Amino acid sequence: MIELRTPAEIEAMRPAGRFVAETLATLRDETTVGTNLLAIDRRAHDLIRRAGATSCYIDYHPSFGASPFGKVLCTSVNDAVLHGLPHDYALKDGDLVSLDFAVSIDGWVADSAISFVVGTPRDEDLALIDTTRRALDAAIAAAVVGNRIGDISHAIADVAHGDGYAINTDFGGHGVGRVMHGDPHVPNDGKAGRGYPLREGLVVALEPWFLQTTDELITDPDGWTLRSVDGSRGAHSEHTVAITADGPLVLTDRSFLGVD
């Protein structure tokens, strides 16, 4: 069921959005060559406890997950792009890292993801990350009253296809509110002018993610981590966005921190 939020409810979602933004910025700043993925998760867990927030991941067990997730943060590295289950791995020079983080504060959820390189970056990795960011910007620009879900999907795909990337539509954006994953589904490819009409009060997580040379995924033995079928690298950018009468409101915006 698609739920629309009142202006007061959207205001009530701001603390969760701000905390998610701050946490991802902190984790990115603290993540370097040699940082262990389990240490990143522990740090996120500590920040959650200090804020009095509730993790959306630790007990999360959808139909596609082998078991409850058990961690508070998705850490996807290199050819892993989604749902990366933190494990005992120390990051190496040039690793491409995607962090996906969602919490609830006072019953309201915010969800966001970032990708970055630790150490010496490859040009092709920076280009891929840049494409996900520009696709997210295009998606946000299309998230206005009067458009449709297909307009958001088409905006994302236009950027990706323009840069030569294929698109997987198995996983994409989604409604956000009292729960992390709700209706509507927002695929990363679609036809403009099609789908659910965007109305004031709709809150969605928009999340372009692409792989360098494929759109096919395989699942790790951990039952969670999704990797490219050909070993090519992936990147992921995500924001929680409220559709308002004044235009899109990015609840997980990090610009107030002086970072992108």
C-alpha atoms as a PDB file:
ATOM      1  CA  MET A   1       0.000   0.000   0.000  1.00  0.00           C
ATOM      2  CA  ILE A   2       1.300   3.450  -0.927  1.00  0.00           C
ATOM      3  CA  GLU A   3       1.103   5.927   1.947  1.00  0.00           C
ATOM      4  CA  LEU A   4       1.304   9.707   1.722  1.00  0.00           C
ATOM      5  CA  ARG A   5       2.788  11.728   4.567  1.00  0.00           C
ATOM      6  CA  THR A   6       1.565  15.021   5.942  1.00  0.00           C
ATOM      7  CA  PRO A   7       3.939  18.000   6.140  1.00  0.00           C
ATOM      8  CA  ALA A   8       4.171  17.404   9.903  1.00  0.00           C
ATOM      9  CA  GLU A   9       5.127  13.765   9.363  1.00  0.00           C
ATOM     10  CA  ILE A  10       7.788  14.731   6.840  1.00  0.00           C
ATOM     11  CA  GLU A  11       9.201  17.156   9.393  1.00  0.00           C
ATOM     12  CA  ALA A  12       9.234  14.286  11.895  1.00  0.00           C
ATOM     13  CA  MET A  13      11.387  12.297   9.446  1.00  0.00           C
ATOM     14  CA  ARG A  14      14.118  14.934   9.400  1.00  0.00           C
ATOM     15  CA  PRO A  15      16.032  13.687  12.480  1.00  0.00           C
ATOM     16  CA  ALA A  16      16.419  10.213  10.987  1.00  0.00           C
ATOM     17  CA  GLY A  17      17.547  11.694   7.681  1.00  0.00           C
ATOM     18  CA  ARG A  18      20.064  13.962   9.351  1.00  0.00           C
ATOM     19  CA  PHE A  19      21.471  11.130  11.464  1.00  0.00           C
ATOM     20  CA  VAL A  20      21.864   8.825   8.460  1.00  0.00           C
ATOM     21  CA  ALA A  21      23.616  11.620   6.545  1.00  0.00           C
ATOM     22  CA  GLU A  22      25.961  12.368   9.442  1.00  0.00           C
ATOM     23  CA  THR A  23      26.759   8.706  10.033  1.00  0.00           C
ATOM     24  CA  LEU A  24      27.625   7.977   6.404  1.00  0.00           C
ATOM     25  CA  ALA A  25      29.856  11.059   6.278  1.00  0.00           C
ATOM     26  CA  THR A  26      31.605   9.947   9.468  1.00  0.00           C
ATOM     27  CA  LEU A  27      32.095   6.390   8.259  1.00  0.00           C
ATOM     28  CA  ARG A  28      33.488   7.570   4.929  1.00  0.00           C
ATOM     29  CA  ASP A  29      35.949   9.890   6.681  1.00  0.00           C
ATOM     30  CA  GLU A  30      37.115   7.102   9.006  1.00  0.00           C
ATOM     31  CA  THR A  31      37.379   4.368   6.366  1.00  0.00           C
ATOM     32  CA  THR A  32      40.891   3.985   4.934  1.00  0.00           C
ATOM     33  CA  VAL A  33      43.211   1.341   3.579  1.00  0.00           C
ATOM     34  CA  GLY A  34      43.434  -1.338   6.282  1.00  0.00           C
ATOM     35  CA  THR A  35      40.026  -0.648   7.846  1.00  0.00           C
ATOM     36  CA  ASN A  36      38.148  -3.877   8.542  1.00  0.00           C
ATOM     37  CA  LEU A  37      34.543  -4.160   7.385  1.00  0.00           C
ATOM     38  CA  LEU A  38      33.560  -5.470  10.814  1.00  0.00           C
ATOM     39  CA  ALA A  39      35.089  -2.362  12.401  1.00  0.00           C
ATOM     40  CA  ILE A  40      32.969  -0.133  10.153  1.00  0.00           C
ATOM     41  CA  ASP A  41      29.861  -2.019  11.253  1.00  0.00           C
ATOM     42  CA  ARG A  42      30.845  -1.770  14.936  1.00  0.00           C
ATOM     43  CA  ARG A  43      31.354   1.974  14.574  1.00  0.00           C
ATOM     44  CA  ALA A  44      27.932   2.358  12.962  1.00  0.00           C
ATOM     45  CA  HIS A  45      26.400   0.268  15.750  1.00  0.00           C
ATOM     46  CA  ASP A  46      28.003   2.522  18.361  1.00  0.00           C
ATOM     47  CA  LEU A  47      26.679   5.660  16.656  1.00  0.00           C
ATOM     48  CA  ILE A  48      23.186   4.127  16.553  1.00  0.00           C
ATOM     49  CA  ARG A  49      23.282   3.397  20.284  1.00  0.00           C
ATOM     50  CA  ARG A  50      24.496   6.908  21.122  1.00  0.00           C
ATOM     51  CA  ALA A  51      21.700   8.469  19.071  1.00  0.00           C
ATOM     52  CA  GLY A  52      18.971   6.256  20.509  1.00  0.00           C
ATOM     53  CA  ALA A  53      18.160   5.099  16.972  1.00  0.00           C
ATOM     54  CA  THR A  54      17.041   1.652  15.842  1.00  0.00           C
ATOM     55  CA  SER A  55      18.763  -0.291  13.071  1.00  0.00           C
ATOM     56  CA  CYS A  56      16.563  -1.296  10.139  1.00  0.00           C
ATOM     57  CA  TYR A  57      18.988  -4.048   9.129  1.00  0.00           C
ATOM     58  CA  ILE A  58      19.983  -6.135  12.106  1.00  0.00           C
ATOM     59  CA  ASP A  59      16.755  -8.182  12.249  1.00  0.00           C
ATOM     60  CA  TYR A  60      15.858  -7.698   8.587  1.00  0.00           C
ATOM     61  CA  HIS A  61      14.881 -10.984   6.929  1.00  0.00           C
ATOM     62  CA  PRO A  62      13.082 -10.573   3.592  1.00  0.00           C
ATOM     63  CA  SER A  63      12.309 -13.486   1.301  1.00  0.00           C
ATOM     64  CA  PHE A  64      15.562 -13.052  -0.649  1.00  0.00           C
ATOM     65  CA  GLY A  65      17.769 -13.123   2.482  1.00  0.00           C
ATOM     66  CA  ALA A  66      19.138 -16.440   3.739  1.00  0.00           C
ATOM     67  CA  SER A  67      18.723 -15.415   7.395  1.00  0.00           C
ATOM     68  CA  PRO A  68      18.293 -12.253   9.498  1.00  0.00           C
ATOM     69  CA  PHE A  69      20.972  -9.805   8.320  1.00  0.00           C
ATOM     70  CA  GLY A  70      22.586  -9.559  11.751  1.00  0.00           C
ATOM     71  CA  LYS A  71      24.561  -6.344  11.110  1.00  0.00           C
ATOM     72  CA  VAL A  72      23.610  -2.657  11.008  1.00  0.00           C
ATOM     73  CA  LEU A  73      25.301  -1.636   7.758  1.00  0.00           C
ATOM     74  CA  CYS A  74      25.705  -3.012   4.233  1.00  0.00           C
ATOM     75  CA  THR A  75      29.373  -2.991   3.199  1.00  0.00           C
ATOM     76  CA  SER A  76      29.810  -3.901  -0.475  1.00  0.00           C
ATOM     77  CA  VAL A  77      33.344  -3.971  -1.902  1.00  0.00           C
ATOM     78  CA  ASN A  78      34.527  -3.957  -5.528  1.00  0.00           C
ATOM     79  CA  ASP A  79      32.406  -6.468  -7.478  1.00  0.00           C
ATOM     80  CA  ALA A  80      29.868  -6.549  -4.626  1.00  0.00           C
ATOM     81  CA  VAL A  81      27.287  -3.805  -5.104  1.00  0.00           C
ATOM     82  CA  LEU A  82      24.283  -4.491  -2.852  1.00  0.00           C
ATOM     83  CA  HIS A  83      23.498  -6.052   0.535  1.00  0.00           C
ATOM     84  CA  GLY A  84      27.148  -6.635   1.378  1.00  0.00           C
ATOM     85  CA  LEU A  85      27.234  -8.513   4.680  1.00  0.00           C
ATOM     86  CA  PRO A  86      30.118  -7.179   6.824  1.00  0.00           C
ATOM     87  CA  HIS A  87      32.799  -9.807   7.328  1.00  0.00           C
ATOM     88  CA  ASP A  88      36.452 -10.066   8.333  1.00  0.00           C
ATOM     89  CA  TYR A  89      38.101  -8.199   5.467  1.00  0.00           C
ATOM     90  CA  ALA A  90      40.680  -5.391   5.674  1.00  0.00           C
ATOM     91  CA  LEU A  91      40.301  -2.897   2.845  1.00  0.00           C
ATOM     92  CA  LYS A  92      43.127  -2.725   0.317  1.00  0.00           C
ATOM     93  CA  ASP A  93      44.497   0.182  -1.672  1.00  0.00           C
ATOM     94  CA  GLY A  94      42.090   1.010  -4.502  1.00  0.00           C
ATOM     95  CA  ASP A  95      39.079  -0.856  -3.136  1.00  0.00           C
ATOM     96  CA  LEU A  96      35.707   0.559  -4.175  1.00  0.00           C
ATOM     97  CA  VAL A  97      33.404   0.620  -1.147  1.00  0.00           C
ATOM     98  CA  SER A  98      29.624   1.086  -1.005  1.00  0.00           C
ATOM     99  CA  LEU A  99      27.970   1.718   2.367  1.00  0.00           C
ATOM    100  CA  ASP A 100      24.192   1.447   2.672  1.00  0.00           C
ATOM    101  CA  PHE A 101      22.623   2.542   5.967  1.00  0.00           C
ATOM    102  CA  ALA A 102      19.077   2.844   7.290  1.00  0.00           C
ATOM    103  CA  VAL A 103      17.720   3.575  10.763  1.00  0.00           C
ATOM    104  CA  SER A 104      14.509   4.512  12.496  1.00  0.00           C
ATOM    105  CA  ILE A 105      14.275   7.433  14.929  1.00  0.00           C
ATOM    106  CA  ASP A 106      11.008   8.013  16.776  1.00  0.00           C
ATOM    107  CA  GLY A 107       9.382   5.523  14.420  1.00  0.00           C
ATOM    108  CA  TRP A 108      10.470   7.193  11.169  1.00  0.00           C
ATOM    109  CA  VAL A 109      12.970   5.665   8.729  1.00  0.00           C
ATOM    110  CA  ALA A 110      15.661   7.192   6.528  1.00  0.00           C
ATOM    111  CA  ASP A 111      17.822   5.254   4.057  1.00  0.00           C
ATOM    112  CA  SER A 112      20.911   6.335   2.117  1.00  0.00           C
ATOM    113  CA  ALA A 113      24.006   4.920   0.410  1.00  0.00           C
ATOM    114  CA  ILE A 114      27.381   6.207  -0.770  1.00  0.00           C
ATOM    115  CA  SER A 115      30.267   4.791  -2.801  1.00  0.00           C
ATOM    116  CA  PHE A 116      33.902   5.842  -2.613  1.00  0.00           C
ATOM    117  CA  VAL A 117      37.437   4.530  -3.162  1.00  0.00           C
ATOM    118  CA  VAL A 118      40.006   4.034  -0.417  1.00  0.00           C
ATOM    119  CA  GLY A 119      43.599   4.807  -1.346  1.00  0.00           C
ATOM    120  CA  THR A 120      44.541   5.185  -4.996  1.00  0.00           C
ATOM    121  CA  PRO A 121      41.466   5.264  -7.259  1.00  0.00           C
ATOM    122  CA  ARG A 122      41.053   3.833 -10.736  1.00  0.00           C
ATOM    123  CA  ASP A 123      39.657   6.259 -13.284  1.00  0.00           C
ATOM    124  CA  GLU A 124      36.966   3.785 -14.297  1.00  0.00           C
ATOM    125  CA  ASP A 125      35.808   3.473 -10.680  1.00  0.00           C
ATOM    126  CA  LEU A 126      35.540   7.236 -10.259  1.00  0.00           C
ATOM    127  CA  ALA A 127      33.581   7.426 -13.511  1.00  0.00           C
ATOM    128  CA  LEU A 128      31.157   4.744 -12.325  1.00  0.00           C
ATOM    129  CA  ILE A 129      30.616   6.468  -8.976  1.00  0.00           C
ATOM    130  CA  ASP A 130      30.070   9.779 -10.762  1.00  0.00           C
ATOM    131  CA  THR A 131      27.427   8.187 -12.982  1.00  0.00           C
ATOM    132  CA  THR A 132      25.471   6.917  -9.972  1.00  0.00           C
ATOM    133  CA  ARG A 133      25.610  10.368  -8.375  1.00  0.00           C
ATOM    134  CA  ARG A 134      24.454  12.157 -11.518  1.00  0.00           C
ATOM    135  CA  ALA A 135      21.713   9.593 -12.015  1.00  0.00           C
ATOM    136  CA  LEU A 136      20.570  10.222  -8.449  1.00  0.00           C
ATOM    137  CA  ASP A 137      20.551  13.971  -9.068  1.00  0.00           C
ATOM    138  CA  ALA A 138      18.439  13.402 -12.190  1.00  0.00           C
ATOM    139  CA  ALA A 139      16.056  11.159 -10.253  1.00  0.00           C
ATOM    140  CA  ILE A 140      15.614  13.776  -7.537  1.00  0.00           C
ATOM    141  CA  ALA A 141      14.962  16.481 -10.134  1.00  0.00           C
ATOM    142  CA  ALA A 142      12.197  14.315 -11.607  1.00  0.00           C
ATOM    143  CA  ALA A 143      10.589  13.673  -8.196  1.00  0.00           C
ATOM    144  CA  VAL A 144       7.984  16.409  -8.477  1.00  0.00           C
ATOM    145  CA  VAL A 145       4.219  16.549  -8.164  1.00  0.00           C
ATOM    146  CA  GLY A 146       2.609  15.808 -11.536  1.00  0.00           C
ATOM    147  CA  ASN A 147       5.303  13.430 -12.762  1.00  0.00           C
ATOM    148  CA  ARG A 148       5.099   9.659 -12.492  1.00  0.00           C
ATOM    149  CA  ILE A 149       7.358   6.897 -11.205  1.00  0.00           C
ATOM    150  CA  GLY A 150       8.356   6.222 -14.808  1.00  0.00           C
ATOM    151  CA  ASP A 151       9.733   9.741 -15.089  1.00  0.00           C
ATOM    152  CA  ILE A 152      12.116   9.051 -12.204  1.00  0.00           C
ATOM    153  CA  SER A 153      13.108   5.672 -13.657  1.00  0.00           C
ATOM    154  CA  HIS A 154      13.637   7.156 -17.118  1.00  0.00           C
ATOM    155  CA  ALA A 155      15.797   9.969 -15.700  1.00  0.00           C
ATOM    156  CA  ILE A 156      18.067   7.427 -14.004  1.00  0.00           C
ATOM    157  CA  ALA A 157      18.313   5.242 -17.094  1.00  0.00           C
ATOM    158  CA  ASP A 158      19.034   8.179 -19.370  1.00  0.00           C
ATOM    159  CA  VAL A 159      22.189   8.971 -17.395  1.00  0.00           C
ATOM    160  CA  ALA A 160      23.291   5.347 -17.123  1.00  0.00           C
ATOM    161  CA  HIS A 161      22.729   4.467 -20.769  1.00  0.00           C
ATOM    162  CA  GLY A 162      24.359   7.721 -21.819  1.00  0.00           C
ATOM    163  CA  ASP A 163      27.512   6.587 -20.002  1.00  0.00           C
ATOM    164  CA  GLY A 164      27.343   3.084 -21.448  1.00  0.00           C
ATOM    165  CA  TYR A 165      26.133   1.125 -18.431  1.00  0.00           C
ATOM    166  CA  ALA A 166      23.536  -1.635 -18.438  1.00  0.00           C
ATOM    167  CA  ILE A 167      20.772  -1.599 -15.810  1.00  0.00           C
ATOM    168  CA  ASN A 168      19.424  -4.312 -13.549  1.00  0.00           C
ATOM    169  CA  THR A 169      15.834  -3.682 -12.419  1.00  0.00           C
ATOM    170  CA  ASP A 170      15.562  -6.498  -9.855  1.00  0.00           C
ATOM    171  CA  PHE A 171      16.475  -4.051  -7.073  1.00  0.00           C
ATOM    172  CA  GLY A 172      15.769  -0.331  -7.019  1.00  0.00           C
ATOM    173  CA  GLY A 173      14.151   2.468  -5.084  1.00  0.00           C
ATOM    174  CA  HIS A 174      11.206   2.080  -2.756  1.00  0.00           C
ATOM    175  CA  GLY A 175       8.800   3.807  -0.446  1.00  0.00           C
ATOM    176  CA  VAL A 176      10.070   4.831   2.999  1.00  0.00           C
ATOM    177  CA  GLY A 177       8.158   5.754   6.127  1.00  0.00           C
ATOM    178  CA  ARG A 178       7.428   3.666   9.177  1.00  0.00           C
ATOM    179  CA  VAL A 179       9.291   0.772   7.533  1.00  0.00           C
ATOM    180  CA  MET A 180      12.438   0.676   5.409  1.00  0.00           C
ATOM    181  CA  HIS A 181      10.960  -0.961   2.319  1.00  0.00           C
ATOM    182  CA  GLY A 182       7.457  -0.050   1.222  1.00  0.00           C
ATOM    183  CA  ASP A 183       5.494   0.768  -1.905  1.00  0.00           C
ATOM    184  CA  PRO A 184       6.009   1.981  -4.532  1.00  0.00           C
ATOM    185  CA  HIS A 185       8.904   0.186  -6.173  1.00  0.00           C
ATOM    186  CA  VAL A 186      11.056   2.624  -8.174  1.00  0.00           C
ATOM    187  CA  PRO A 187      13.058   0.724 -10.818  1.00  0.00           C
ATOM    188  CA  ASN A 188      16.216   2.219 -12.256  1.00  0.00           C
ATOM    189  CA  ASP A 189      14.841   1.980 -15.788  1.00  0.00           C
ATOM    190  CA  GLY A 190      11.392   2.769 -17.128  1.00  0.00           C
ATOM    191  CA  LYS A 191       9.264   4.765 -19.521  1.00  0.00           C
ATOM    192  CA  ALA A 192       8.550   8.435 -18.929  1.00  0.00           C
ATOM    193  CA  GLY A 193       4.923   9.238 -18.241  1.00  0.00           C
ATOM    194  CA  ARG A 194       4.127   5.742 -16.977  1.00  0.00           C
ATOM    195  CA  GLY A 195       3.422   4.340 -13.531  1.00  0.00           C
ATOM    196  CA  TYR A 196       2.101   5.734 -10.262  1.00  0.00           C
ATOM    197  CA  PRO A 197       1.505   9.506 -10.272  1.00  0.00           C
ATOM    198  CA  LEU A 198       3.747  11.416  -7.878  1.00  0.00           C
ATOM    199  CA  ARG A 199       1.724  13.170  -5.194  1.00  0.00           C
ATOM    200  CA  GLU A 200       2.589  15.543  -2.401  1.00  0.00           C
ATOM    201  CA  GLY A 201       3.563  13.555   0.677  1.00  0.00           C
ATOM    202  CA  LEU A 202       5.113  10.563  -1.094  1.00  0.00           C
ATOM    203  CA  VAL A 203       8.501   9.660   0.425  1.00  0.00           C
ATOM    204  CA  VAL A 204      10.825   7.398  -1.521  1.00  0.00           C
ATOM    205  CA  ALA A 205      14.392   6.142  -1.387  1.00  0.00           C
ATOM    206  CA  LEU A 206      15.936   6.631  -4.822  1.00  0.00           C
ATOM    207  CA  GLU A 207      18.976   4.457  -5.425  1.00  0.00           C
ATOM    208  CA  PRO A 208      20.775   4.170  -8.750  1.00  0.00           C
ATOM    209  CA  TRP A 209      23.323   1.350  -8.718  1.00  0.00           C
ATOM    210  CA  PHE A 210      25.272   0.105 -11.708  1.00  0.00           C
ATOM    211  CA  LEU A 211      27.941  -2.430 -12.625  1.00  0.00           C
ATOM    212  CA  GLN A 212      30.749  -1.649 -15.030  1.00  0.00           C
ATOM    213  CA  THR A 213      30.209  -4.317 -17.684  1.00  0.00           C
ATOM    214  CA  THR A 214      27.087  -6.336 -16.828  1.00  0.00           C
ATOM    215  CA  ASP A 215      23.605  -6.129 -15.348  1.00  0.00           C
ATOM    216  CA  GLU A 216      23.622  -9.661 -13.919  1.00  0.00           C
ATOM    217  CA  LEU A 217      24.113 -10.559 -10.259  1.00  0.00           C
ATOM    218  CA  ILE A 218      25.125 -13.599  -8.261  1.00  0.00           C
ATOM    219  CA  THR A 219      24.647 -14.161  -4.526  1.00  0.00           C
ATOM    220  CA  ASP A 220      27.530 -14.983  -2.188  1.00  0.00           C
ATOM    221  CA  PRO A 221      27.410 -18.092   0.003  1.00  0.00           C
ATOM    222  CA  ASP A 222      26.529 -15.746   2.905  1.00  0.00           C
ATOM    223  CA  GLY A 223      23.057 -15.557   1.341  1.00  0.00           C
ATOM    224  CA  TRP A 224      23.102 -11.753   1.172  1.00  0.00           C
ATOM    225  CA  THR A 225      25.980 -10.135  -0.719  1.00  0.00           C
ATOM    226  CA  LEU A 226      25.169  -9.482  -4.383  1.00  0.00           C
ATOM    227  CA  ARG A 227      28.063  -9.395  -6.847  1.00  0.00           C
ATOM    228  CA  SER A 228      28.461  -8.875 -10.577  1.00  0.00           C
ATOM    229  CA  VAL A 229      28.416 -12.123 -12.507  1.00  0.00           C
ATOM    230  CA  ASP A 230      31.599 -11.169 -14.396  1.00  0.00           C
ATOM    231  CA  GLY A 231      33.658  -9.692 -11.553  1.00  0.00           C
ATOM    232  CA  SER A 232      33.279  -6.088 -12.697  1.00  0.00           C
ATOM    233  CA  ARG A 233      32.894  -3.425 -10.037  1.00  0.00           C
ATOM    234  CA  GLY A 234      29.728  -1.727  -8.870  1.00  0.00           C
ATOM    235  CA  ALA A 235      28.690   1.560  -7.260  1.00  0.00           C
ATOM    236  CA  HIS A 236      25.558   2.725  -5.450  1.00  0.00           C
ATOM    237  CA  SER A 237      24.169   6.151  -4.513  1.00  0.00           C
ATOM    238  CA  GLU A 238      20.928   6.655  -2.566  1.00  0.00           C
ATOM    239  CA  HIS A 239      18.897   9.368  -0.849  1.00  0.00           C
ATOM    240  CA  THR A 240      15.558   9.469   0.934  1.00  0.00           C
ATOM    241  CA  VAL A 241      13.425  12.095  -0.815  1.00  0.00           C
ATOM    242  CA  ALA A 242      10.055  13.610   0.111  1.00  0.00           C
ATOM    243  CA  ILE A 243       7.870  14.973  -2.673  1.00  0.00           C
ATOM    244  CA  THR A 244       6.432  18.297  -1.539  1.00  0.00           C
ATOM    245  CA  ALA A 245       4.468  21.165  -3.033  1.00  0.00           C
ATOM    246  CA  ASP A 246       7.740  23.126  -3.111  1.00  0.00           C
ATOM    247  CA  GLY A 247       9.670  20.407  -4.897  1.00  0.00           C
ATOM    248  CA  PRO A 248      11.789  17.440  -3.794  1.00  0.00           C
ATOM    249  CA  LEU A 249      13.139  17.533  -0.240  1.00  0.00           C
ATOM    250  CA  VAL A 250      16.257  15.389   0.273  1.00  0.00           C
ATOM    251  CA  LEU A 251      15.992  14.199   3.861  1.00  0.00           C
ATOM    252  CA  THR A 252      19.424  12.512   3.819  1.00  0.00           C
ATOM    253  CA  ASP A 253      21.235  15.448   2.218  1.00  0.00           C
ATOM    254  CA  ARG A 254      24.861  15.712   3.388  1.00  0.00           C
ATOM    255  CA  SER A 255      25.656  19.144   1.954  1.00  0.00           C
ATOM    256  CA  PHE A 256      25.138  20.824   5.341  1.00  0.00           C
ATOM    257  CA  LEU A 257      28.224  18.871   6.448  1.00  0.00           C
ATOM    258  CA  GLY A 258      30.296  20.334   3.636  1.00  0.00           C
ATOM    259  CA  VAL A 259      30.433  16.984   1.805  1.00  0.00           C
ATOM    260  CA  ASP A 260      28.598  15.586  -1.219  1.00  0.00           C
END
